[in-house]
Protein backbone atom coordinates (compact mmCIF):
# COMPACT_ATOMS: atom_id res chain seq x y z
CA MET A 1 44.30 -7.65 -94.09
CA THR A 2 43.05 -9.65 -97.22
CA LEU A 3 44.89 -11.50 -99.75
CA ASN A 4 43.58 -11.10 -103.16
CA CYS A 5 44.06 -15.14 -104.88
CA VAL A 6 43.61 -17.25 -107.10
CA VAL A 7 43.29 -21.40 -107.30
CA VAL A 8 45.01 -22.89 -110.50
CA ASP A 9 44.03 -26.65 -110.86
CA ASP A 10 43.02 -28.61 -114.16
CA SER A 11 40.43 -31.07 -111.84
CA ALA A 12 37.56 -29.53 -111.71
CA ILE A 13 36.64 -31.59 -108.35
CA GLN A 14 40.07 -30.85 -107.10
CA ARG A 15 39.95 -27.18 -108.24
CA LEU A 16 35.74 -26.90 -106.04
CA SER A 17 37.58 -27.97 -102.74
CA ILE A 18 40.32 -25.73 -102.50
CA VAL A 19 37.66 -23.33 -103.47
CA LYS A 20 35.32 -23.82 -100.89
CA LEU A 21 38.68 -23.44 -98.54
CA VAL A 22 39.71 -19.97 -100.14
CA GLU A 23 35.38 -18.85 -99.53
CA ASN A 24 35.56 -19.87 -96.15
CA HIS A 25 38.69 -18.33 -94.89
CA PRO A 26 38.05 -14.45 -93.70
CA SER A 27 41.62 -13.21 -94.87
CA LEU A 28 41.26 -14.92 -98.15
CA ASN A 29 39.24 -12.80 -101.12
CA LEU A 30 39.08 -15.29 -104.52
CA ILE A 31 39.59 -13.01 -107.90
CA ALA A 32 39.12 -16.35 -109.96
CA GLU A 33 39.25 -19.46 -110.74
CA TYR A 34 41.64 -20.93 -113.89
CA SER A 35 41.26 -24.63 -115.20
CA SER A 36 45.26 -23.87 -116.80
CA ALA A 37 48.40 -22.15 -116.68
CA LEU A 38 47.23 -20.66 -120.08
CA GLU A 39 44.31 -19.42 -118.32
CA THR A 40 46.33 -18.36 -115.48
CA LYS A 41 48.89 -15.98 -117.20
CA ASN A 42 46.79 -14.46 -119.17
CA GLY A 43 44.59 -13.94 -116.05
CA LEU A 44 47.20 -12.38 -113.74
CA ASN A 45 47.82 -9.73 -116.50
CA THR A 46 44.53 -8.18 -115.68
CA HIS A 47 43.96 -8.76 -111.92
CA GLN A 48 45.94 -7.58 -108.74
CA VAL A 49 46.64 -11.03 -107.27
CA ASP A 50 48.44 -11.88 -103.97
CA LEU A 51 48.61 -15.51 -103.89
CA ILE A 52 48.37 -18.23 -105.77
CA PHE A 53 47.02 -22.31 -104.96
CA LEU A 54 48.85 -23.88 -107.65
CA ASP A 55 48.82 -27.41 -109.11
CA ILE A 56 52.16 -28.68 -110.43
CA GLU A 57 50.58 -31.22 -113.01
CA MET A 58 48.73 -29.64 -115.75
CA PRO A 59 48.68 -30.14 -119.46
CA VAL A 60 50.80 -27.98 -122.21
CA LEU A 61 52.21 -25.80 -118.59
CA ASN A 62 52.87 -27.53 -115.51
CA GLY A 63 52.77 -25.55 -112.99
CA PHE A 64 56.67 -24.92 -112.41
CA GLU A 65 56.62 -23.85 -116.25
CA LEU A 66 53.69 -21.37 -115.53
CA LEU A 67 56.17 -19.40 -112.80
CA ASP A 68 59.00 -19.80 -115.18
CA VAL A 69 57.26 -17.28 -117.38
CA LEU A 70 55.83 -14.64 -114.98
CA ASN A 71 57.24 -11.27 -114.79
CA ASN A 72 55.79 -10.41 -111.62
CA LYS A 73 55.21 -13.57 -109.00
CA PRO A 74 52.83 -13.29 -106.37
CA GLN A 75 53.03 -15.57 -103.02
CA ILE A 76 52.96 -19.27 -104.28
CA ILE A 77 51.15 -22.27 -102.53
CA PHE A 78 52.01 -25.51 -104.33
CA VAL A 79 48.65 -27.80 -104.06
CA THR A 80 49.28 -31.46 -105.85
CA GLY A 81 48.76 -34.88 -104.38
CA LYS A 82 52.59 -35.92 -104.72
CA THR A 83 55.21 -35.16 -102.54
CA GLU A 84 58.33 -35.54 -104.79
CA TYR A 85 57.68 -32.33 -105.99
CA ALA A 86 58.29 -30.86 -102.72
CA PHE A 87 62.08 -29.78 -102.77
CA LYS A 88 61.87 -28.28 -106.16
CA ALA A 89 59.24 -25.96 -104.79
CA PHE A 90 61.65 -24.90 -102.41
CA ASN A 91 64.17 -23.52 -105.27
CA TYR A 92 61.01 -22.06 -106.17
CA ASP A 93 60.44 -19.79 -103.17
CA ALA A 94 57.49 -21.48 -102.68
CA THR A 95 55.46 -19.83 -99.62
CA ASP A 96 54.16 -23.25 -98.49
CA TYR A 97 53.65 -26.67 -100.67
CA LEU A 98 50.01 -28.54 -99.83
CA HIS A 99 49.41 -32.40 -99.80
CA LYS A 100 46.48 -33.27 -101.19
CA PRO A 101 43.47 -34.42 -99.73
CA ILE A 102 43.96 -31.50 -97.25
CA THR A 103 42.56 -30.28 -94.71
CA ARG A 104 40.79 -26.95 -93.07
CA GLU A 105 43.55 -27.48 -90.56
CA ARG A 106 46.69 -27.75 -92.59
CA PHE A 107 44.98 -25.03 -94.98
CA ASN A 108 44.72 -22.43 -92.00
CA THR A 109 48.05 -22.79 -91.65
CA SER A 110 49.55 -22.11 -94.93
CA VAL A 111 47.15 -19.31 -95.47
CA ASP A 112 48.69 -17.71 -92.08
CA LYS A 113 52.43 -18.34 -93.70
CA ALA A 114 51.31 -15.74 -96.57
CA LEU A 115 49.90 -13.46 -94.20
CA GLU A 116 52.87 -13.42 -92.32
CA GLN A 117 55.15 -13.16 -95.49
CA HIS A 118 52.39 -10.71 -96.83
CA ARG A 119 52.76 -8.05 -93.39
CA LEU A 120 56.70 -8.03 -93.96
CA THR A 121 56.83 -7.34 -97.17
CA GLN A 122 54.77 -4.35 -96.36
CA ASP A 123 56.40 -3.25 -93.33
CA PHE A 124 59.76 -3.76 -95.16
CA SER A 125 57.89 -1.59 -97.95
CA GLU A 126 57.11 1.06 -95.72
CA GLU A 127 60.69 1.09 -94.24
CA ASP A 128 62.14 0.90 -97.25
CA GLY A 129 61.28 4.74 -97.78
CA GLU A 130 60.72 7.21 -100.55
CA HIS A 131 63.65 7.08 -103.19
CA ILE A 132 64.35 7.99 -106.44
CA PHE A 133 67.30 6.30 -108.55
CA VAL A 134 70.30 7.71 -110.41
CA LYS A 135 72.74 6.98 -112.34
CA SER A 136 76.73 7.61 -111.34
CA ASN A 137 79.97 5.96 -112.47
CA LEU A 138 77.18 4.10 -115.32
CA LYS A 139 75.49 2.67 -112.80
CA LYS A 140 71.95 2.79 -111.26
CA ARG A 141 71.78 3.63 -107.74
CA LYS A 142 68.85 4.43 -105.18
CA VAL A 143 69.04 7.29 -103.35
CA TYR A 144 66.59 7.32 -100.59
CA ILE A 145 64.81 11.26 -100.15
CA LYS A 146 65.60 11.34 -96.53
CA ASP A 147 69.31 11.40 -96.70
CA ILE A 148 69.39 14.25 -99.65
CA LYS A 149 71.01 17.11 -97.69
CA TRP A 150 71.82 19.37 -101.27
CA ILE A 151 71.73 19.38 -104.80
CA GLU A 152 74.31 21.24 -106.21
CA ALA A 153 74.97 22.24 -110.19
CA LEU A 154 78.23 21.21 -111.53
CA GLY A 155 77.86 22.66 -115.21
CA ASP A 156 76.36 19.49 -117.23
CA TYR A 157 76.36 17.93 -114.22
CA VAL A 158 74.72 17.75 -110.39
CA LYS A 159 76.24 16.78 -107.30
CA LEU A 160 73.77 15.31 -105.21
CA VAL A 161 74.86 15.34 -101.25
CA THR A 162 73.47 12.59 -98.94
CA GLU A 163 74.35 11.75 -95.50
CA GLU A 164 77.05 9.17 -96.24
CA ASN A 165 78.71 10.38 -99.59
CA SER A 166 78.33 12.50 -102.31
CA LEU A 167 77.04 11.18 -106.31
CA VAL A 168 77.86 13.01 -109.45
CA VAL A 169 74.97 12.68 -111.81
CA LEU A 170 74.59 13.55 -115.30
CA SER A 171 71.33 16.20 -115.16
CA THR A 172 70.69 19.97 -114.88
CA MET A 173 69.01 21.18 -112.14
CA LYS A 174 65.87 22.13 -113.64
CA SER A 175 65.42 17.78 -114.54
CA PHE A 176 66.42 17.17 -111.43
CA GLU A 177 64.24 19.38 -109.29
CA ALA A 178 61.31 17.78 -111.58
CA GLU A 179 62.34 14.50 -110.03
CA LEU A 180 61.77 15.07 -106.56
CA PRO A 181 58.92 15.33 -104.16
CA GLU A 182 57.05 18.64 -103.89
CA GLY A 183 56.76 20.60 -100.73
CA LYS A 184 60.27 18.68 -99.83
CA PHE A 185 62.96 20.79 -101.60
CA LEU A 186 63.60 24.27 -102.33
CA ARG A 187 65.86 25.68 -104.84
CA ILE A 188 67.25 28.26 -102.73
CA HIS A 189 70.08 29.54 -105.39
CA LYS A 190 70.24 29.25 -108.84
CA SER A 191 73.04 26.51 -107.81
CA TYR A 192 71.59 25.38 -105.09
CA ILE A 193 68.70 22.70 -104.05
CA VAL A 194 68.16 21.96 -100.41
CA ASN A 195 66.12 19.71 -98.06
CA LEU A 196 63.63 21.48 -96.47
CA ASP A 197 64.15 18.87 -92.65
CA LYS A 198 68.32 19.25 -93.07
CA ILE A 199 68.23 23.19 -92.77
CA ASP A 200 69.31 23.72 -89.16
CA ARG A 201 69.45 27.61 -89.49
CA PHE A 202 69.14 30.67 -91.76
CA ASN A 203 69.66 34.15 -92.54
CA SER A 204 69.46 36.66 -94.96
CA LYS A 205 72.48 35.31 -96.80
CA ASN A 206 72.86 31.56 -96.20
CA VAL A 207 71.58 29.07 -95.22
CA GLU A 208 73.06 26.19 -92.68
CA VAL A 209 72.94 22.51 -93.27
CA GLY A 210 75.13 20.97 -90.71
CA ALA A 211 78.14 22.31 -90.40
CA TYR A 212 77.90 23.82 -94.06
CA GLU A 213 77.20 27.39 -95.65
CA ILE A 214 74.70 27.35 -98.48
CA PRO A 215 74.25 30.42 -100.16
CA LEU A 216 70.45 31.68 -100.10
CA SER A 217 69.42 34.34 -103.12
CA ARG A 218 67.75 37.06 -101.68
CA ASN A 219 64.38 36.79 -103.72
CA LYS A 220 64.22 33.45 -101.88
CA LYS A 221 64.28 33.99 -98.73
CA THR A 222 60.39 34.81 -97.97
CA GLN A 223 60.00 31.59 -100.15
CA LEU A 224 62.20 29.48 -97.85
CA VAL A 225 59.92 31.40 -94.54
CA ASP A 226 56.75 30.11 -96.45
CA ALA A 227 57.86 26.59 -97.21
CA LEU A 228 59.85 25.92 -93.83
CA ASN A 229 56.10 26.79 -92.18
CA ASN A 230 54.33 24.28 -94.17
CA ILE A 231 56.61 21.28 -93.81
């Protein structure tokens, strides 16, 4: 695992010392170094960054003010010559707070924290699973693909039946079908789309999902067999 990082410090000497530590660490990839918060803000628009080594006291915009204007914040390791900002850094959800001068051992410990945090985030994203957002009862709701059992047409609405509940969504069947991942769902009837993984049994007339029977159009049976064979 490698983290893409940038170093931000208005002091060229201090910046160089951090850059050397970064370049000598096998799990860090230096993307850029900046001498001001404004340069950093512009640079982050063009680079994918996982971690910022950020000085606090800088002209025009300080480190905290930079974070206030960032929409998507990478992990932050504050680097400063003063200890008085530690509590405020905690409120900014900093990964760590390094006090100058920085030893290699302390730097490596800080990077280990960042790597672990990144690993946890990646694991969570994988467990989070594939999902869509639907609007039901004036609220946006996250629905996991694996939890959808079937979708049923209700006039100008569709009913989304999941493992836990049912949601009524303003949508046509055609529009909703386009939101679903290809190869995991099949429209087996003009009024029903079914999650192929949820099918327990089927015959020439019906598909069974748990205790429920869903009508199967006669001209869809061959397509259903092919779809199930390709899961």
